[in-house]
Amino acid sequence: MKGEKQMPKILITPKSFQKYKEKPIEMLTAMGYEVIENTTGKTLTEEQLLSYINQDIIGIIVGVDPLTEEVLQKFPSLKAISKYGVGMDNIDLQAAAALGIKVGNAKDTNNISVCELALALMFECARKLSSAIKGVKDFGWDRSIGIELTGKHLLIVGGGKIGKEVTKRAKGLAMEVTIYDPYMRDEEFLQAHQIGYATDFAEIIQQVDIVSLHLPATPETKHLMNATVFEKMKPSAMLINTARGELVDEQALLSALVQGQIAIAAQDVYSVEPPEVGDALVQLDNFILTPHIGAYTEEAVERMAIVSTQNILNLLNEQG
């Protein structure tokens, strides 16, 4: 109706948000917001995000959709962004700050889920479970010998919330655990769980059996796992990456796996998701890739939906 006041709008982009959207949408509508949902079932591209610029959106709950500087500049009314998850490398934080847009993330919502997937990938690498199961489904009975995780030396790269959860469970499996994190300052945790702490990455990488990555993608950490690092590792070593694809130089990993510099790698993340058809690394028998399911559990999805919604309300309230 002409002259009717328009409700301020919140755009919700994450695909998995749909499963637990009822309560979050009630929270938003109760505060006078109109909700616009991504109903494509896919992550939005920059071009698709720009299709919403004329809808006077003041807040976005975003998944892994790219909120680049170009995108942010095209949303004149945008006041707040709430990340549905923890990692914010898909958001140009510098541009958001310059534009006066508040940004927050859903901390402590997916720690357990990502941690448990990291451990599951370790077991998969150690026992080759999926190929064994498939073999029997095909009415074969071939057996491949595995290894025990007990007694293996695990290096946790990144001593944040997820890294600590993996550490505690790995100790329960009687593994030797060392953390490498130049920014970690938690002697109490290290002592309580009898965890080693490494200060020299180049040295510790030569000694461990398993490397598990739990750190953000930054210019400093990009391609942390590179050709030089792979050359130093044990030929029996395994790499687990449930953090960010950019942490690993995938061409170097391809070479390392083909040449036997390391034994196997398992990731839940990739530099391009999904990878291109025919990708050489994906086709290797000693490379395992899951479709970014670390935080995709019933419990984590529900927590992220509620927390990210509360965060957008808090951020908009701060903006007045």
Protein backbone atom coordinates (compact mmCIF):
# COMPACT_ATOMS: atom_id res chain seq x y z
CA MET A 1 0.00 0.00 0.00
CA LYS A 2 1.29 3.44 -0.94
CA GLY A 3 2.79 5.29 1.98
CA GLU A 4 3.02 2.16 4.13
CA LYS A 5 6.26 2.01 6.08
CA GLN A 6 8.60 -0.71 4.86
CA MET A 7 10.02 -3.17 7.38
CA PRO A 8 13.84 -3.28 7.57
CA LYS A 9 15.12 -6.42 5.86
CA ILE A 10 17.55 -9.18 6.87
CA LEU A 11 19.07 -11.40 4.18
CA ILE A 12 19.86 -15.00 5.21
CA THR A 13 22.18 -16.83 2.79
CA PRO A 14 23.40 -20.15 4.36
CA LYS A 15 21.96 -23.29 2.77
CA SER A 16 21.74 -25.32 5.98
CA PHE A 17 20.02 -22.46 7.84
CA GLN A 18 16.76 -23.66 6.30
CA LYS A 19 16.63 -26.74 8.53
CA TYR A 20 16.41 -24.74 11.76
CA LYS A 21 15.00 -21.46 10.52
CA GLU A 22 11.70 -21.46 12.41
CA LYS A 23 12.94 -20.06 15.73
CA PRO A 24 15.47 -17.62 14.19
CA ILE A 25 12.83 -16.18 11.88
CA GLU A 26 10.48 -15.77 14.84
CA MET A 27 13.28 -13.92 16.65
CA LEU A 28 13.76 -11.57 13.71
CA THR A 29 10.10 -10.90 12.93
CA ALA A 30 9.37 -10.30 16.63
CA MET A 31 11.86 -7.42 16.47
CA GLY A 32 10.19 -5.94 13.40
CA TYR A 33 12.44 -7.29 10.63
CA GLU A 34 11.40 -8.80 7.32
CA VAL A 35 13.38 -11.90 6.34
CA ILE A 36 14.67 -12.59 2.82
CA GLU A 37 15.96 -16.14 2.34
CA ASN A 38 18.35 -17.73 -0.12
CA THR A 39 16.13 -20.46 -1.55
CA THR A 40 18.51 -21.56 -4.33
CA GLY A 41 19.98 -24.38 -2.25
CA LYS A 42 23.42 -23.14 -3.25
CA THR A 43 26.08 -20.74 -2.05
CA LEU A 44 25.46 -17.36 -3.65
CA THR A 45 27.97 -15.85 -6.06
CA GLU A 46 28.92 -12.17 -6.01
CA GLU A 47 26.57 -11.60 -8.94
CA GLN A 48 23.70 -13.29 -7.13
CA LEU A 49 24.33 -11.29 -3.98
CA LEU A 50 24.18 -8.10 -6.01
CA SER A 51 20.67 -9.02 -7.15
CA TYR A 52 19.50 -8.07 -3.64
CA ILE A 53 20.94 -4.53 -3.61
CA ASN A 54 17.62 -2.81 -4.28
CA GLN A 55 15.84 -4.43 -1.33
CA ASP A 56 17.09 -2.03 1.35
CA ILE A 57 18.81 -4.78 3.36
CA ILE A 58 20.26 -3.63 6.68
CA GLY A 59 21.61 -6.96 7.93
CA ILE A 60 23.02 -10.16 6.44
CA ILE A 61 23.42 -13.56 8.08
CA VAL A 62 26.05 -15.04 5.79
CA GLY A 63 27.54 -18.47 5.22
CA VAL A 64 30.52 -18.83 2.87
CA ASP A 65 29.07 -16.47 0.25
CA PRO A 66 31.65 -13.83 -0.85
CA LEU A 67 31.05 -10.45 0.80
CA THR A 68 33.81 -8.66 -1.08
CA GLU A 69 34.48 -4.93 -1.02
CA GLU A 70 32.61 -4.57 -4.32
CA VAL A 71 29.56 -6.34 -2.92
CA LEU A 72 29.56 -4.44 0.38
CA GLN A 73 29.80 -1.08 -1.37
CA LYS A 74 26.61 -1.84 -3.31
CA PHE A 75 24.48 -2.29 -0.16
CA PRO A 76 23.95 1.32 0.97
CA SER A 77 21.72 0.46 3.95
CA LEU A 78 23.79 -2.45 5.27
CA LYS A 79 24.66 -1.98 8.94
CA ALA A 80 25.61 -5.45 10.21
CA ILE A 81 26.89 -8.86 9.10
CA SER A 82 26.58 -11.99 11.22
CA LYS A 83 28.71 -14.96 10.15
CA TYR A 84 26.91 -18.29 10.31
CA GLY A 85 30.01 -20.05 11.61
CA VAL A 86 33.41 -18.91 12.81
CA GLY A 87 35.81 -18.30 9.91
CA MET A 88 35.32 -14.88 8.32
CA ASP A 89 37.76 -15.05 5.41
CA ASN A 90 34.87 -14.71 2.93
CA ILE A 91 34.10 -11.25 4.35
CA ASP A 92 36.25 -8.25 3.51
CA LEU A 93 36.59 -7.08 7.10
CA GLN A 94 38.66 -4.03 6.19
CA ALA A 95 36.04 -2.83 3.72
CA ALA A 96 33.26 -3.50 6.23
CA ALA A 97 35.05 -1.43 8.87
CA ALA A 98 35.61 1.42 6.42
CA LEU A 99 31.91 1.38 5.56
CA GLY A 100 30.86 1.33 9.21
CA ILE A 101 29.38 -2.17 8.99
CA LYS A 102 29.52 -4.20 12.20
CA VAL A 103 30.64 -7.84 11.83
CA GLY A 104 30.36 -10.76 14.26
CA ASN A 105 30.66 -14.54 14.13
CA ALA A 106 29.02 -17.52 15.82
CA LYS A 107 31.83 -18.51 18.16
CA ASP A 108 31.80 -21.82 20.04
CA THR A 109 28.98 -23.32 17.96
CA ASN A 110 30.77 -25.88 15.79
CA ASN A 111 33.89 -26.77 17.82
CA ILE A 112 32.76 -30.27 18.70
CA SER A 113 31.42 -31.13 15.25
CA VAL A 114 34.60 -30.09 13.42
CA CYS A 115 36.73 -31.78 16.07
CA GLU A 116 34.88 -35.07 15.67
CA LEU A 117 35.22 -34.97 11.87
CA ALA A 118 38.98 -34.41 12.20
CA LEU A 119 39.18 -37.54 14.35
CA ALA A 120 36.95 -39.46 11.92
CA LEU A 121 39.30 -38.56 9.07
CA MET A 122 42.24 -39.81 11.13
CA PHE A 123 40.50 -43.17 11.56
CA GLU A 124 39.64 -43.24 7.86
CA CYS A 125 43.28 -42.67 6.93
CA ALA A 126 44.48 -45.23 9.46
CA ARG A 127 42.04 -48.03 8.58
CA LYS A 128 40.79 -47.18 5.05
CA LEU A 129 37.23 -47.77 6.19
CA SER A 130 35.34 -46.42 3.18
CA SER A 131 37.21 -48.57 0.65
CA ALA A 132 36.82 -51.65 2.88
CA ILE A 133 33.07 -51.07 3.17
CA LYS A 134 32.71 -50.47 -0.56
CA GLY A 135 34.64 -53.66 -1.28
CA VAL A 136 32.24 -55.77 0.74
CA LYS A 137 29.23 -54.00 -0.81
CA ASP A 138 30.66 -55.12 -4.16
CA PHE A 139 30.82 -58.67 -2.71
CA GLY A 140 34.59 -58.66 -2.41
CA TRP A 141 36.58 -59.59 0.68
CA ASP A 142 39.96 -57.95 0.12
CA ARG A 143 41.66 -56.60 3.22
CA SER A 144 44.19 -53.78 3.42
CA ILE A 145 46.38 -53.51 6.49
CA GLY A 146 45.93 -50.42 8.63
CA ILE A 147 47.71 -48.72 11.51
CA GLU A 148 46.80 -47.90 15.11
CA LEU A 149 46.40 -44.31 16.25
CA THR A 150 47.47 -45.28 19.76
CA GLY A 151 50.99 -44.10 20.42
CA LYS A 152 51.20 -41.96 17.28
CA HIS A 153 52.56 -38.44 17.57
CA LEU A 154 49.91 -35.89 16.59
CA LEU A 155 50.76 -32.27 15.82
CA ILE A 156 47.86 -29.85 16.29
CA VAL A 157 48.55 -26.68 14.30
CA GLY A 158 46.38 -24.02 15.91
CA GLY A 159 45.57 -24.16 19.60
CA GLY A 160 42.17 -22.49 19.52
CA LYS A 161 38.82 -23.95 20.56
CA ILE A 162 38.72 -26.69 17.91
CA GLY A 163 42.39 -27.57 18.26
CA LYS A 164 41.95 -27.98 22.01
CA GLU A 165 38.92 -30.24 21.57
CA VAL A 166 40.90 -32.48 19.20
CA THR A 167 43.79 -32.47 21.65
CA LYS A 168 41.67 -33.69 24.57
CA ARG A 169 40.15 -36.52 22.56
CA ALA A 170 43.46 -37.54 21.03
CA LYS A 171 44.89 -37.89 24.52
CA GLY A 172 41.96 -40.18 25.29
CA LEU A 173 43.15 -42.35 22.39
CA ALA A 174 46.59 -42.57 24.06
CA MET A 175 48.25 -40.46 21.37
CA GLU A 176 51.25 -38.24 21.98
CA VAL A 177 50.10 -34.68 21.26
CA THR A 178 52.01 -31.48 20.54
CA ILE A 179 50.51 -28.08 19.74
CA TYR A 180 52.16 -25.55 17.46
CA ASP A 181 50.65 -22.08 17.77
CA PRO A 182 52.86 -18.98 18.14
CA TYR A 183 49.91 -17.05 19.60
CA MET A 184 48.75 -19.61 22.17
CA ARG A 185 49.24 -18.60 25.79
CA ASP A 186 47.64 -21.35 27.87
CA GLU A 187 50.16 -23.11 30.08
CA GLU A 188 47.35 -24.32 32.32
CA PHE A 189 45.73 -26.27 29.48
CA LEU A 190 49.04 -27.75 28.34
CA GLN A 191 49.92 -28.91 31.84
CA ALA A 192 46.45 -30.19 32.69
CA HIS A 193 46.36 -32.43 29.61
CA GLN A 194 50.11 -33.19 29.41
CA ILE A 195 50.45 -31.64 25.98
CA GLY A 196 53.73 -30.71 24.33
CA TYR A 197 54.26 -27.25 22.87
CA ALA A 198 56.46 -26.63 19.83
CA THR A 199 58.06 -23.32 18.97
CA ASP A 200 59.88 -24.43 15.80
CA PHE A 201 57.50 -25.60 13.08
CA ALA A 202 60.25 -26.74 10.70
CA GLU A 203 61.71 -28.96 13.42
CA ILE A 204 58.53 -30.49 14.86
CA ILE A 205 57.09 -31.30 11.42
CA GLN A 206 59.91 -33.83 10.93
CA GLN A 207 59.04 -35.74 14.10
CA VAL A 208 55.27 -36.25 13.96
CA ASP A 209 53.08 -38.97 12.45
CA ILE A 210 49.92 -36.90 11.94
CA VAL A 211 49.41 -33.18 11.29
CA SER A 212 45.95 -31.72 11.92
CA LEU A 213 45.24 -28.12 10.88
CA HIS A 214 43.00 -25.89 13.00
CA LEU A 215 43.80 -22.28 12.15
CA PRO A 216 42.32 -19.49 10.02
CA ALA A 217 43.37 -18.62 6.49
CA THR A 218 45.40 -15.40 6.54
CA PRO A 219 48.24 -14.03 4.41
CA GLU A 220 50.56 -15.40 7.09
CA THR A 221 49.12 -18.94 7.04
CA LYS A 222 48.41 -19.31 3.30
CA HIS A 223 50.20 -22.42 1.99
CA LEU A 224 51.63 -23.17 5.40
CA MET A 225 51.79 -26.74 4.14
CA ASN A 226 54.01 -26.42 1.09
CA ALA A 227 56.68 -28.33 -0.83
CA THR A 228 59.41 -27.47 1.66
CA VAL A 229 57.31 -28.74 4.55
CA PHE A 230 56.28 -31.96 2.78
CA GLU A 231 59.94 -32.74 2.05
CA LYS A 232 60.66 -32.66 5.79
CA MET A 233 57.78 -34.94 6.84
CA LYS A 234 57.91 -38.67 7.47
CA PRO A 235 56.94 -40.77 4.42
CA SER A 236 54.43 -42.52 6.70
CA ALA A 237 52.83 -39.23 7.85
CA MET A 238 49.23 -38.18 7.30
CA LEU A 239 47.78 -34.69 6.89
CA ILE A 240 44.31 -33.75 8.15
CA ASN A 241 42.77 -30.42 7.17
CA THR A 242 39.32 -29.45 8.45
CA ALA A 243 40.14 -25.73 8.59
CA ARG A 244 40.64 -23.92 5.26
CA GLY A 245 41.77 -25.09 1.83
CA GLU A 246 44.13 -22.15 1.43
CA LEU A 247 46.37 -23.52 4.18
CA VAL A 248 47.65 -26.21 1.83
CA ASP A 249 49.52 -25.75 -1.44
CA GLU A 250 47.49 -28.32 -3.35
CA GLN A 251 49.98 -28.69 -6.21
CA ALA A 252 52.72 -29.39 -3.68
CA LEU A 253 50.45 -31.86 -1.88
CA LEU A 254 49.72 -33.64 -5.16
CA SER A 255 53.43 -34.03 -5.78
CA ALA A 256 54.10 -35.15 -2.19
CA LEU A 257 51.43 -37.86 -2.35
CA VAL A 258 52.50 -39.11 -5.78
CA GLN A 259 56.17 -39.21 -4.80
CA GLY A 260 55.51 -40.80 -1.39
CA GLN A 261 56.86 -37.90 0.63
CA ILE A 262 53.82 -38.40 2.88
CA ALA A 263 51.46 -41.37 2.98
CA ILE A 264 47.96 -39.89 2.88
CA ALA A 265 45.96 -36.69 3.28
CA ALA A 266 42.33 -36.08 4.20
CA GLN A 267 40.56 -32.74 3.92
CA ASP A 268 37.08 -31.33 4.47
CA VAL A 269 38.01 -28.13 2.66
CA TYR A 270 39.45 -27.22 -0.72
CA SER A 271 40.72 -24.11 -2.49
CA VAL A 272 37.78 -24.30 -4.93
CA GLU A 273 34.59 -25.86 -3.63
CA PRO A 274 33.47 -28.03 -5.26
CA PRO A 275 36.71 -28.95 -7.06
CA GLU A 276 36.76 -28.97 -10.85
CA VAL A 277 35.85 -32.21 -12.60
CA GLY A 278 39.01 -34.19 -13.29
CA ASP A 279 41.04 -32.51 -10.55
CA ALA A 280 44.23 -34.59 -10.30
CA LEU A 281 44.57 -34.40 -6.51
CA VAL A 282 40.97 -35.46 -5.89
CA GLN A 283 41.48 -38.53 -8.07
CA LEU A 284 44.40 -39.89 -6.02
CA ASP A 285 43.66 -43.00 -3.95
CA ASN A 286 45.64 -41.57 -1.03
CA PHE A 287 43.74 -38.29 -0.95
CA ILE A 288 40.35 -38.05 0.77
CA LEU A 289 38.01 -35.08 0.42
CA THR A 290 34.67 -34.58 2.14
CA PRO A 291 32.28 -31.79 1.02
CA HIS A 292 32.88 -29.24 3.81
CA ILE A 293 30.73 -31.08 6.35
CA GLY A 294 32.74 -30.29 9.49
CA ALA A 295 30.07 -28.04 10.99
CA TYR A 296 27.21 -29.87 9.31
CA THR A 297 25.67 -31.75 12.22
CA GLU A 298 22.21 -31.41 13.70
CA GLU A 299 23.61 -29.89 16.87
CA ALA A 300 26.03 -27.43 15.27
CA VAL A 301 23.57 -26.24 12.62
CA GLU A 302 20.95 -25.50 15.26
CA ARG A 303 23.44 -23.67 17.47
CA MET A 304 24.80 -21.63 14.56
CA ALA A 305 21.30 -20.62 13.43
CA ILE A 306 20.30 -19.36 16.88
CA VAL A 307 23.62 -17.68 17.74
CA SER A 308 24.08 -15.99 14.36
CA THR A 309 20.52 -14.65 14.58
CA GLN A 310 21.05 -13.29 18.08
CA ASN A 311 24.31 -11.77 16.88
CA ILE A 312 22.64 -9.86 14.04
CA LEU A 313 20.06 -8.51 16.48
CA ASN A 314 22.79 -7.44 18.89
CA LEU A 315 24.86 -5.81 16.15
CA LEU A 316 21.89 -3.88 14.79
CA ASN A 317 20.94 -2.79 18.28
CA GLU A 318 24.49 -1.44 18.75
CA GLN A 319 24.16 0.47 15.50
CA GLY A 320 20.94 2.07 16.74
